[in-house]
């Protein structure tokens, strides 16, 4: 009898660990990604220091298809600024400002890792628009339209029955098609079309981590 009770408890705990959602749950998600980097580029006759700061905000509405499957829609926005300095002084050589907007569909699969901890994989597909202004460079203004499909992993922790916190990592793989239109300071307009297959894997992979939270609406 004791063995049966013990076995029943183990089965119940295993079920609870894998029951991330109840089918039909609506889930609101919010994400934040902040990234800061700097690098040096050597020019003849000197060295230039380039500093970049970006902020990205995301909102999602998902629908639980099963205890571990979440599908839904997302909105994303971002702002970034890049400054170039002469390494020998603090004077700004060039400033680049960028705005990014996006929307699309996502599908996410969760798998239990430990008590209340989950690992997930997410596929998302959508479109985006970005605008870029470069001061003191020949390409004064540019805008880009495109569509992309990406695959990324992450970790989740279920605080209670209604709330989760998550860490999402950079894309393992992505496919992007884009059209870039730019206007030079002389008023000339140009259009470039690009198709790219890429990955964010590399030595700096863990430097791009997003933090998010999800609220399960009963």
C-alpha atoms as a PDB file:
ATOM      1  CA  UNK A   1       0.000   0.000   0.000  1.00  0.00           C
ATOM      2  CA  UNK A   2       2.806   2.403   0.901  1.00  0.00           C
ATOM      3  CA  UNK A   3       4.510   1.667  -2.431  1.00  0.00           C
ATOM      4  CA  UNK A   4       1.283   2.445  -4.313  1.00  0.00           C
ATOM      5  CA  UNK A   5       0.879   5.769  -2.482  1.00  0.00           C
ATOM      6  CA  UNK A   6       4.527   6.679  -3.147  1.00  0.00           C
ATOM      7  CA  UNK A   7       4.156   5.812  -6.828  1.00  0.00           C
ATOM      8  CA  UNK A   8       0.966   7.900  -7.038  1.00  0.00           C
ATOM      9  CA  UNK A   9       2.738  10.928  -5.522  1.00  0.00           C
ATOM     10  CA  UNK A  10       5.632  10.599  -7.991  1.00  0.00           C
ATOM     11  CA  UNK A  11       3.218  10.411 -10.932  1.00  0.00           C
ATOM     12  CA  UNK A  12       1.288  13.436  -9.626  1.00  0.00           C
ATOM     13  CA  UNK A  13       4.483  15.487  -9.205  1.00  0.00           C
ATOM     14  CA  UNK A  14       5.642  14.530 -12.694  1.00  0.00           C
ATOM     15  CA  UNK A  15       2.264  15.596 -14.116  1.00  0.00           C
ATOM     16  CA  UNK A  16       2.398  18.936 -12.289  1.00  0.00           C
ATOM     17  CA  UNK A  17       5.945  19.548 -13.522  1.00  0.00           C
ATOM     18  CA  UNK A  18       4.875  19.052 -17.148  1.00  0.00           C
ATOM     19  CA  UNK A  19       1.536  20.886 -16.806  1.00  0.00           C
ATOM     20  CA  UNK A  20       2.799  24.326 -17.705  1.00  0.00           C
ATOM     21  CA  UNK A  21      -0.659  25.465 -18.882  1.00  0.00           C
ATOM     22  CA  UNK A  22      -4.225  24.275 -19.108  1.00  0.00           C
ATOM     23  CA  UNK A  23      -5.614  23.979 -22.615  1.00  0.00           C
ATOM     24  CA  UNK A  24      -7.464  27.171 -23.470  1.00  0.00           C
ATOM     25  CA  UNK A  25      -5.457  29.447 -21.155  1.00  0.00           C
ATOM     26  CA  UNK A  26      -4.741  32.929 -22.460  1.00  0.00           C
ATOM     27  CA  UNK A  27      -1.233  34.124 -21.621  1.00  0.00           C
ATOM     28  CA  UNK A  28       0.076  37.709 -21.692  1.00  0.00           C
ATOM     29  CA  UNK A  29       3.809  38.114 -22.092  1.00  0.00           C
ATOM     30  CA  UNK A  30       6.160  41.074 -21.756  1.00  0.00           C
ATOM     31  CA  UNK A  31       9.857  41.098 -22.546  1.00  0.00           C
ATOM     32  CA  UNK A  32      12.831  43.404 -22.141  1.00  0.00           C
ATOM     33  CA  UNK A  33      16.228  43.169 -23.781  1.00  0.00           C
ATOM     34  CA  UNK A  34      19.058  45.600 -23.079  1.00  0.00           C
ATOM     35  CA  UNK A  35      22.400  45.311 -24.805  1.00  0.00           C
ATOM     36  CA  UNK A  36      25.573  47.402 -24.573  1.00  0.00           C
ATOM     37  CA  UNK A  37      28.788  46.809 -26.479  1.00  0.00           C
ATOM     38  CA  UNK A  38      31.981  48.549 -27.507  1.00  0.00           C
ATOM     39  CA  UNK A  39      34.693  47.741 -30.016  1.00  0.00           C
ATOM     40  CA  UNK A  40      37.746  49.309 -31.578  1.00  0.00           C
ATOM     41  CA  UNK A  41      38.435  49.630 -35.286  1.00  0.00           C
ATOM     42  CA  UNK A  42      41.860  50.580 -36.545  1.00  0.00           C
ATOM     43  CA  UNK A  43      42.002  53.145 -39.328  1.00  0.00           C
ATOM     44  CA  UNK A  44      44.998  54.694 -40.970  1.00  0.00           C
ATOM     45  CA  UNK A  45      46.310  56.726 -39.198  1.00  0.00           C
ATOM     46  CA  UNK A  46      44.355  56.127 -35.942  1.00  0.00           C
ATOM     47  CA  UNK A  47      41.922  53.990 -33.939  1.00  0.00           C
ATOM     48  CA  UNK A  48      38.198  54.585 -33.547  1.00  0.00           C
ATOM     49  CA  UNK A  49      36.076  53.428 -30.601  1.00  0.00           C
ATOM     50  CA  UNK A  50      32.466  52.430 -31.365  1.00  0.00           C
ATOM     51  CA  UNK A  51      29.883  52.171 -28.556  1.00  0.00           C
ATOM     52  CA  UNK A  52      26.375  50.751 -29.069  1.00  0.00           C
ATOM     53  CA  UNK A  53      23.387  50.723 -26.685  1.00  0.00           C
ATOM     54  CA  UNK A  54      20.054  49.115 -27.548  1.00  0.00           C
ATOM     55  CA  UNK A  55      16.712  48.680 -25.783  1.00  0.00           C
ATOM     56  CA  UNK A  56      13.988  46.303 -27.014  1.00  0.00           C
ATOM     57  CA  UNK A  57      10.447  45.864 -25.657  1.00  0.00           C
ATOM     58  CA  UNK A  58       8.104  43.019 -26.618  1.00  0.00           C
ATOM     59  CA  UNK A  59       4.467  42.164 -25.888  1.00  0.00           C
ATOM     60  CA  UNK A  60       2.785  38.829 -26.646  1.00  0.00           C
ATOM     61  CA  UNK A  61      -0.651  37.220 -26.415  1.00  0.00           C
ATOM     62  CA  UNK A  62      -0.569  33.431 -26.456  1.00  0.00           C
ATOM     63  CA  UNK A  63      -3.160  30.668 -26.421  1.00  0.00           C
ATOM     64  CA  UNK A  64      -2.395  27.330 -24.779  1.00  0.00           C
ATOM     65  CA  UNK A  65      -2.969  24.484 -27.240  1.00  0.00           C
ATOM     66  CA  UNK A  66      -1.907  21.938 -24.623  1.00  0.00           C
ATOM     67  CA  UNK A  67      -0.152  21.762 -21.241  1.00  0.00           C
ATOM     68  CA  UNK A  68       3.192  22.515 -22.933  1.00  0.00           C
ATOM     69  CA  UNK A  69       2.301  24.243 -26.223  1.00  0.00           C
ATOM     70  CA  UNK A  70       1.722  27.989 -26.576  1.00  0.00           C
ATOM     71  CA  UNK A  71       0.872  29.724 -29.858  1.00  0.00           C
ATOM     72  CA  UNK A  72       0.080  33.383 -30.382  1.00  0.00           C
ATOM     73  CA  UNK A  73       0.991  36.815 -31.672  1.00  0.00           C
ATOM     74  CA  UNK A  74       3.689  39.318 -30.770  1.00  0.00           C
ATOM     75  CA  UNK A  75       4.557  43.007 -31.128  1.00  0.00           C
ATOM     76  CA  UNK A  76       8.129  44.237 -30.820  1.00  0.00           C
ATOM     77  CA  UNK A  77       9.850  47.617 -30.702  1.00  0.00           C
ATOM     78  CA  UNK A  78      13.405  48.754 -30.234  1.00  0.00           C
ATOM     79  CA  UNK A  79      15.654  51.776 -30.142  1.00  0.00           C
ATOM     80  CA  UNK A  80      19.415  51.905 -30.478  1.00  0.00           C
ATOM     81  CA  UNK A  81      22.185  54.477 -30.606  1.00  0.00           C
ATOM     82  CA  UNK A  82      25.737  54.005 -31.828  1.00  0.00           C
ATOM     83  CA  UNK A  83      28.498  56.565 -31.286  1.00  0.00           C
ATOM     84  CA  UNK A  84      31.948  56.643 -32.820  1.00  0.00           C
ATOM     85  CA  UNK A  85      34.839  58.308 -31.010  1.00  0.00           C
ATOM     86  CA  UNK A  86      38.433  58.938 -31.841  1.00  0.00           C
ATOM     87  CA  UNK A  87      40.261  56.670 -29.388  1.00  0.00           C
ATOM     88  CA  UNK A  88      42.623  59.497 -28.465  1.00  0.00           C
ATOM     89  CA  UNK A  89      39.800  61.900 -27.426  1.00  0.00           C
ATOM     90  CA  UNK A  90      36.198  61.965 -26.188  1.00  0.00           C
ATOM     91  CA  UNK A  91      34.826  63.962 -29.128  1.00  0.00           C
ATOM     92  CA  UNK A  92      32.031  62.212 -31.073  1.00  0.00           C
ATOM     93  CA  UNK A  93      32.889  61.510 -34.696  1.00  0.00           C
ATOM     94  CA  UNK A  94      29.527  60.090 -35.740  1.00  0.00           C
ATOM     95  CA  UNK A  95      26.114  59.239 -34.241  1.00  0.00           C
ATOM     96  CA  UNK A  96      23.744  56.582 -35.571  1.00  0.00           C
ATOM     97  CA  UNK A  97      20.152  56.257 -34.271  1.00  0.00           C
ATOM     98  CA  UNK A  98      17.853  53.349 -35.135  1.00  0.00           C
ATOM     99  CA  UNK A  99      14.161  52.543 -34.555  1.00  0.00           C
ATOM    100  CA  UNK A 100      12.718  49.039 -35.024  1.00  0.00           C
ATOM    101  CA  UNK A 101       9.076  47.824 -35.127  1.00  0.00           C
ATOM    102  CA  UNK A 102       7.837  44.294 -35.730  1.00  0.00           C
ATOM    103  CA  UNK A 103       4.802  41.990 -35.495  1.00  0.00           C
ATOM    104  CA  UNK A 104       4.078  38.346 -36.194  1.00  0.00           C
ATOM    105  CA  UNK A 105       3.159  34.858 -35.007  1.00  0.00           C
ATOM    106  CA  UNK A 106       4.998  32.513 -32.640  1.00  0.00           C
ATOM    107  CA  UNK A 107       4.820  28.865 -31.536  1.00  0.00           C
ATOM    108  CA  UNK A 108       6.547  27.783 -28.322  1.00  0.00           C
ATOM    109  CA  UNK A 109       7.096  24.322 -26.831  1.00  0.00           C
ATOM    110  CA  UNK A 110       7.995  23.801 -23.151  1.00  0.00           C
ATOM    111  CA  UNK A 111       9.720  20.782 -21.627  1.00  0.00           C
ATOM    112  CA  UNK A 112      10.171  20.172 -17.862  1.00  0.00           C
ATOM    113  CA  UNK A 113      13.738  20.541 -16.633  1.00  0.00           C
ATOM    114  CA  UNK A 114      13.330  20.360 -12.831  1.00  0.00           C
ATOM    115  CA  UNK A 115      10.742  21.354 -10.234  1.00  0.00           C
ATOM    116  CA  UNK A 116       9.050  24.493 -11.688  1.00  0.00           C
ATOM    117  CA  UNK A 117      11.898  24.941 -14.211  1.00  0.00           C
ATOM    118  CA  UNK A 118      11.348  24.498 -17.944  1.00  0.00           C
ATOM    119  CA  UNK A 119      13.366  24.762 -21.116  1.00  0.00           C
ATOM    120  CA  UNK A 120      11.622  25.957 -24.269  1.00  0.00           C
ATOM    121  CA  UNK A 121      12.127  26.349 -27.964  1.00  0.00           C
ATOM    122  CA  UNK A 122      10.341  29.017 -29.983  1.00  0.00           C
ATOM    123  CA  UNK A 123       9.745  29.541 -33.682  1.00  0.00           C
ATOM    124  CA  UNK A 124       8.506  32.950 -34.762  1.00  0.00           C
ATOM    125  CA  UNK A 125       7.664  34.417 -38.149  1.00  0.00           C
ATOM    126  CA  UNK A 126       6.785  38.006 -38.891  1.00  0.00           C
ATOM    127  CA  UNK A 127       7.502  41.289 -40.564  1.00  0.00           C
ATOM    128  CA  UNK A 128       9.514  44.298 -39.477  1.00  0.00           C
ATOM    129  CA  UNK A 129      10.267  47.917 -40.261  1.00  0.00           C
ATOM    130  CA  UNK A 130      13.330  49.873 -39.198  1.00  0.00           C
ATOM    131  CA  UNK A 131      14.550  53.407 -39.741  1.00  0.00           C
ATOM    132  CA  UNK A 132      18.121  54.554 -39.359  1.00  0.00           C
ATOM    133  CA  UNK A 133      19.588  58.053 -39.287  1.00  0.00           C
ATOM    134  CA  UNK A 134      23.338  58.561 -39.605  1.00  0.00           C
ATOM    135  CA  UNK A 135      24.729  61.976 -38.819  1.00  0.00           C
ATOM    136  CA  UNK A 136      27.887  63.179 -40.556  1.00  0.00           C
ATOM    137  CA  UNK A 137      27.997  60.260 -42.979  1.00  0.00           C
ATOM    138  CA  UNK A 138      27.167  60.162 -46.663  1.00  0.00           C
ATOM    139  CA  UNK A 139      24.248  57.745 -46.129  1.00  0.00           C
ATOM    140  CA  UNK A 140      22.162  60.196 -44.116  1.00  0.00           C
ATOM    141  CA  UNK A 141      18.904  58.236 -43.832  1.00  0.00           C
ATOM    142  CA  UNK A 142      17.743  54.678 -44.493  1.00  0.00           C
ATOM    143  CA  UNK A 143      14.672  52.529 -43.915  1.00  0.00           C
ATOM    144  CA  UNK A 144      14.210  48.787 -44.177  1.00  0.00           C
ATOM    145  CA  UNK A 145      11.217  46.486 -44.655  1.00  0.00           C
ATOM    146  CA  UNK A 146      11.387  42.736 -44.346  1.00  0.00           C
ATOM    147  CA  UNK A 147      10.200  39.390 -43.066  1.00  0.00           C
ATOM    148  CA  UNK A 148      11.990  36.750 -41.022  1.00  0.00           C
ATOM    149  CA  UNK A 149      11.659  33.283 -39.495  1.00  0.00           C
ATOM    150  CA  UNK A 150      13.749  32.436 -36.429  1.00  0.00           C
ATOM    151  CA  UNK A 151      14.373  29.698 -33.878  1.00  0.00           C
ATOM    152  CA  UNK A 152      15.490  30.513 -30.319  1.00  0.00           C
ATOM    153  CA  UNK A 153      15.801  28.674 -26.987  1.00  0.00           C
ATOM    154  CA  UNK A 154      15.099  29.823 -23.439  1.00  0.00           C
ATOM    155  CA  UNK A 155      14.520  28.956 -19.791  1.00  0.00           C
ATOM    156  CA  UNK A 156      11.354  29.495 -17.726  1.00  0.00           C
ATOM    157  CA  UNK A 157      10.498  29.352 -14.043  1.00  0.00           C
ATOM    158  CA  UNK A 158       6.891  29.052 -12.852  1.00  0.00           C
ATOM    159  CA  UNK A 159       6.549  31.243  -9.751  1.00  0.00           C
ATOM    160  CA  UNK A 160       2.968  30.152  -9.072  1.00  0.00           C
ATOM    161  CA  UNK A 161      -0.157  29.133 -10.969  1.00  0.00           C
ATOM    162  CA  UNK A 162      -0.454  32.512 -12.677  1.00  0.00           C
ATOM    163  CA  UNK A 163       3.051  33.909 -13.225  1.00  0.00           C
ATOM    164  CA  UNK A 164       6.262  32.845 -14.977  1.00  0.00           C
ATOM    165  CA  UNK A 165       9.617  34.515 -15.477  1.00  0.00           C
ATOM    166  CA  UNK A 166      11.771  33.675 -18.489  1.00  0.00           C
ATOM    167  CA  UNK A 167      15.199  34.108 -20.010  1.00  0.00           C
ATOM    168  CA  UNK A 168      15.401  34.020 -23.808  1.00  0.00           C
ATOM    169  CA  UNK A 169      18.613  33.693 -25.772  1.00  0.00           C
ATOM    170  CA  UNK A 170      19.651  34.883 -29.209  1.00  0.00           C
ATOM    171  CA  UNK A 171      18.570  33.092 -32.381  1.00  0.00           C
ATOM    172  CA  UNK A 172      19.999  29.650 -33.028  1.00  0.00           C
ATOM    173  CA  UNK A 173      19.027  30.144 -36.664  1.00  0.00           C
ATOM    174  CA  UNK A 174      17.180  32.736 -38.722  1.00  0.00           C
ATOM    175  CA  UNK A 175      16.126  33.378 -42.296  1.00  0.00           C
ATOM    176  CA  UNK A 176      15.517  36.982 -43.347  1.00  0.00           C
ATOM    177  CA  UNK A 177      14.451  38.769 -46.516  1.00  0.00           C
ATOM    178  CA  UNK A 178      14.675  42.549 -46.521  1.00  0.00           C
ATOM    179  CA  UNK A 179      14.545  45.601 -48.752  1.00  0.00           C
ATOM    180  CA  UNK A 180      16.770  48.492 -47.763  1.00  0.00           C
ATOM    181  CA  UNK A 181      16.120  51.993 -49.066  1.00  0.00           C
ATOM    182  CA  UNK A 182      18.593  54.717 -48.279  1.00  0.00           C
ATOM    183  CA  UNK A 183      19.031  58.358 -49.144  1.00  0.00           C
ATOM    184  CA  UNK A 184      22.370  60.088 -49.141  1.00  0.00           C
ATOM    185  CA  UNK A 185      23.085  63.608 -48.024  1.00  0.00           C
ATOM    186  CA  UNK A 186      23.187  64.545 -51.716  1.00  0.00           C
ATOM    187  CA  UNK A 187      19.552  63.430 -52.206  1.00  0.00           C
ATOM    188  CA  UNK A 188      20.341  60.227 -54.128  1.00  0.00           C
ATOM    189  CA  UNK A 189      18.075  57.230 -53.413  1.00  0.00           C
ATOM    190  CA  UNK A 190      19.133  53.581 -53.616  1.00  0.00           C
ATOM    191  CA  UNK A 191      17.415  50.233 -53.000  1.00  0.00           C
ATOM    192  CA  UNK A 192      19.112  46.983 -51.931  1.00  0.00           C
ATOM    193  CA  UNK A 193      17.337  43.635 -51.577  1.00  0.00           C
ATOM    194  CA  UNK A 194      18.878  40.967 -49.359  1.00  0.00           C
ATOM    195  CA  UNK A 195      18.278  37.353 -48.401  1.00  0.00           C
ATOM    196  CA  UNK A 196      20.159  36.069 -45.384  1.00  0.00           C
ATOM    197  CA  UNK A 197      20.499  32.754 -43.576  1.00  0.00           C
ATOM    198  CA  UNK A 198      22.334  33.179 -40.273  1.00  0.00           C
ATOM    199  CA  UNK A 199      22.921  32.227 -36.658  1.00  0.00           C
ATOM    200  CA  UNK A 200      23.904  34.063 -33.483  1.00  0.00           C
ATOM    201  CA  UNK A 201      26.061  31.217 -32.190  1.00  0.00           C
ATOM    202  CA  UNK A 202      29.585  32.284 -31.290  1.00  0.00           C
ATOM    203  CA  UNK A 203      31.802  33.445 -28.457  1.00  0.00           C
ATOM    204  CA  UNK A 204      29.461  36.314 -27.614  1.00  0.00           C
ATOM    205  CA  UNK A 205      26.242  34.275 -27.706  1.00  0.00           C
ATOM    206  CA  UNK A 206      25.442  34.605 -23.982  1.00  0.00           C
ATOM    207  CA  UNK A 207      25.927  38.382 -24.053  1.00  0.00           C
ATOM    208  CA  UNK A 208      22.476  38.810 -25.669  1.00  0.00           C
ATOM    209  CA  UNK A 209      19.886  37.598 -23.143  1.00  0.00           C
ATOM    210  CA  UNK A 210      16.303  38.827 -22.831  1.00  0.00           C
ATOM    211  CA  UNK A 211      14.230  38.882 -19.638  1.00  0.00           C
ATOM    212  CA  UNK A 212      10.475  38.319 -19.769  1.00  0.00           C
ATOM    213  CA  UNK A 213       7.398  37.618 -17.656  1.00  0.00           C
ATOM    214  CA  UNK A 214       4.116  35.852 -18.434  1.00  0.00           C
ATOM    215  CA  UNK A 215       0.725  36.137 -16.793  1.00  0.00           C
ATOM    216  CA  UNK A 216      -1.670  33.222 -17.225  1.00  0.00           C
ATOM    217  CA  UNK A 217      -5.251  34.457 -17.614  1.00  0.00           C
ATOM    218  CA  UNK A 218      -7.664  31.792 -16.426  1.00  0.00           C
END
